[in-house]
Every structure is written in structure tokens, then in C-alpha cells.
Protein backbone atom coordinates (compact mmCIF):
# COMPACT_ATOMS: atom_id res chain seq x y z
CA UNK A 1 48.33 -48.94 -39.25
CA UNK A 2 48.85 -52.56 -38.66
CA UNK A 3 45.06 -53.03 -38.10
CA UNK A 4 44.49 -51.54 -41.73
CA UNK A 5 47.08 -54.14 -43.09
CA UNK A 6 45.71 -57.04 -41.42
CA UNK A 7 42.14 -55.93 -42.79
CA UNK A 8 43.51 -55.88 -46.07
CA UNK A 9 45.15 -59.22 -45.95
CA UNK A 10 41.91 -60.66 -44.70
CA UNK A 11 40.07 -59.44 -47.78
CA UNK A 12 42.64 -60.83 -50.20
CA UNK A 13 42.79 -64.45 -51.35
CA UNK A 14 44.66 -66.85 -49.31
CA UNK A 15 48.36 -67.80 -50.78
CA UNK A 16 48.43 -70.87 -53.22
CA UNK A 17 50.32 -73.50 -51.29
CA UNK A 18 49.58 -76.34 -53.71
CA UNK A 19 53.24 -76.17 -55.13
CA UNK A 20 54.76 -76.30 -51.69
CA UNK A 21 52.56 -79.26 -50.77
CA UNK A 22 53.71 -80.89 -53.91
CA UNK A 23 57.31 -80.13 -52.98
CA UNK A 24 57.02 -81.85 -49.57
CA UNK A 25 55.25 -84.99 -50.87
CA UNK A 26 58.13 -85.26 -53.48
CA UNK A 27 60.83 -84.74 -50.70
CA UNK A 28 59.14 -87.33 -48.49
CA UNK A 29 58.96 -89.71 -51.51
CA UNK A 30 62.68 -89.44 -51.59
CA UNK A 31 63.53 -90.01 -48.14
CA UNK A 32 65.54 -93.47 -47.12
CA UNK A 33 63.46 -95.71 -45.21
CA UNK A 34 60.28 -95.21 -47.06
CA UNK A 35 60.12 -98.76 -48.26
CA UNK A 36 59.63 -101.81 -46.29
CA UNK A 37 62.83 -103.76 -44.86
CA UNK A 38 60.86 -106.62 -43.57
CA UNK A 39 57.41 -108.01 -43.73
CA UNK A 40 55.32 -109.75 -40.94
CA UNK A 41 53.67 -112.86 -42.59
CA UNK A 42 50.91 -115.29 -40.87
CA UNK A 43 52.77 -118.62 -40.19
CA UNK A 44 50.00 -121.25 -38.77
CA UNK A 45 49.15 -119.54 -35.49
CA UNK A 46 52.10 -117.08 -35.19
CA UNK A 47 53.97 -114.41 -37.12
CA UNK A 48 57.20 -114.67 -38.88
CA UNK A 49 59.45 -111.83 -39.94
CA UNK A 50 60.73 -112.00 -43.50
CA UNK A 51 63.28 -109.73 -44.55
CA UNK A 52 62.86 -108.28 -48.13
CA UNK A 53 66.13 -109.87 -48.91
CA UNK A 54 64.62 -113.32 -48.29
CA UNK A 55 61.74 -112.58 -50.58
CA UNK A 56 62.04 -114.11 -54.03
CA UNK A 57 58.93 -112.91 -55.45
CA UNK A 58 55.25 -112.19 -54.95
CA UNK A 59 52.35 -113.51 -57.11
CA UNK A 60 48.69 -112.08 -57.05
CA UNK A 61 46.08 -114.48 -55.91
CA UNK A 62 42.56 -112.99 -56.52
CA UNK A 63 42.55 -110.07 -53.71
CA UNK A 64 45.71 -111.70 -52.02
CA UNK A 65 49.29 -111.93 -52.64
CA UNK A 66 51.36 -115.05 -52.12
CA UNK A 67 54.96 -114.38 -51.04
CA UNK A 68 57.49 -116.68 -51.93
CA UNK A 69 61.03 -117.28 -50.00
CA UNK A 70 63.63 -120.02 -51.18
CA UNK A 71 61.85 -122.66 -49.02
CA UNK A 72 58.34 -121.37 -48.13
CA UNK A 73 55.09 -119.50 -49.11
CA UNK A 74 52.88 -117.07 -47.25
CA UNK A 75 49.64 -115.76 -48.05
CA UNK A 76 49.37 -111.90 -47.44
CA UNK A 77 46.18 -110.22 -47.14
CA UNK A 78 47.18 -107.27 -49.32
CA UNK A 79 46.78 -106.99 -52.92
CA UNK A 80 49.82 -107.09 -55.07
CA UNK A 81 49.39 -103.45 -56.03
CA UNK A 82 49.55 -102.41 -52.25
CA UNK A 83 52.69 -104.67 -51.84
CA UNK A 84 54.27 -103.16 -54.68
CA UNK A 85 53.89 -99.71 -53.36
CA UNK A 86 55.65 -100.63 -50.44
CA UNK A 87 58.77 -102.23 -51.87
CA UNK A 88 61.88 -100.40 -53.33
CA UNK A 89 61.26 -100.29 -57.26
CA UNK A 90 65.20 -100.77 -57.67
CA UNK A 91 65.09 -104.03 -55.86
CA UNK A 92 61.82 -105.35 -56.81
CA UNK A 93 60.67 -105.34 -60.56
CA UNK A 94 57.17 -106.13 -61.73
CA UNK A 95 57.44 -108.75 -64.56
CA UNK A 96 53.95 -109.69 -65.27
CA UNK A 97 50.67 -108.00 -64.14
CA UNK A 98 50.70 -110.81 -61.33
CA UNK A 99 54.30 -111.15 -60.43
CA UNK A 100 56.85 -109.18 -58.77
CA UNK A 101 60.33 -110.51 -58.47
CA UNK A 102 63.30 -109.55 -56.11
CA UNK A 103 65.92 -108.39 -58.61
CA UNK A 104 68.87 -109.94 -56.62
CA UNK A 105 66.96 -113.36 -56.89
CA UNK A 106 67.23 -113.80 -60.45
CA UNK A 107 69.57 -116.51 -61.70
CA UNK A 108 68.71 -116.84 -65.32
CA UNK A 109 66.62 -115.13 -67.86
CA UNK A 110 65.42 -117.52 -70.73
CA UNK A 111 64.32 -116.72 -74.01
CA UNK A 112 61.25 -119.03 -74.61
CA UNK A 113 59.15 -119.85 -77.77
CA UNK A 114 58.63 -116.81 -79.98
CA UNK A 115 60.98 -114.55 -78.19
CA UNK A 116 59.25 -114.20 -74.91
CA UNK A 117 61.08 -114.19 -71.65
CA UNK A 118 61.09 -116.52 -68.61
CA UNK A 119 63.00 -116.07 -65.41
CA UNK A 120 64.38 -118.58 -63.08
CA UNK A 121 65.00 -117.57 -59.50
CA UNK A 122 67.48 -118.67 -57.06
CA UNK A 123 66.24 -121.26 -54.82
CA UNK A 124 62.99 -121.72 -56.72
CA UNK A 125 62.27 -124.53 -59.20
CA UNK A 126 59.37 -122.47 -61.37
CA UNK A 127 60.12 -120.43 -64.45
CA UNK A 128 58.11 -116.87 -64.17
CA UNK A 129 56.88 -115.50 -67.23
CA UNK A 130 57.71 -112.00 -68.46
CA UNK A 131 54.99 -110.15 -70.07
CA UNK A 132 55.79 -108.25 -73.22
CA UNK A 133 54.83 -105.07 -71.46
CA UNK A 134 57.75 -105.70 -68.88
CA UNK A 135 60.40 -107.20 -71.22
CA UNK A 136 62.03 -103.83 -71.74
CA UNK A 137 63.44 -104.34 -68.05
CA UNK A 138 65.62 -106.74 -69.29
CA UNK A 139 67.01 -105.03 -72.33
CA UNK A 140 69.83 -103.36 -70.12
CA UNK A 141 70.84 -106.91 -68.91
């Protein structure tokens, strides 16, 4: 009798496990620790560990990314897109197609000419533009 059941199962289509795989992927995405806690960056002939709390912002530079802290800049070999996927989106906002900022580093948001926004970060002298596509991030502030 068990041989007959086995033969029946072998002739039928296998169960669809795509939904189960999607549930597993979603559960993995919600796990803490999924995002980087620090980055290893080249510094001259050595490597330096930079915690995500030290990162002020990241800016795209062709196929590379420049990471800015309060007092230093580091060239990363990863693209901005790759870096964005590894950073917690509740802590890092993309404010422009080429700029991601650490939200806790935002000092002031300025309304510039014609209503556009600019961001001033703690410990950095430059003003960073906020594109119209990303201005909605600041509506709740």
C-alpha cells in the first residue's frame, strides 16, 4: 500500500513552495542586524573602521562612493546604490540621487530659492541639495 502512495506522489506535480520562499525572505529582511553597524574603509595603506553613527553622508562619485565623517573623507569601491542597500533606511535617507545622509547628523533644513530644500549637517561646512523627488521626507519634520 505505501508503494502505491509513493508512486502516486511521484506522478503528481511537486508542491508550489514559492510562497514559502517569499515568507522566508520577508522574515530575513525584518531581522535585526541585517544592516551594517560599521564600514571598513581604506585609509592610506591601512584600513579604518567607521561606525555608522560617525557617517555624516555618502555621495556618489562615478562608480564609487565618497563617505564623509565630521573630519574625514574616504573613497569606497562600492556604488551608492550598493551602499544604500546595506544601510538602515530609518537612519539613512536618500535626499538626492547622488546623496544619502545620516538623519541623526542633520542640523538644519533650509528652504532655498524657489522653495527647494538644502540640508546642513553637523560637523560639515557644505549645504546638500534635496531633490524634489525626495523632499517628501521632510514634510513630517
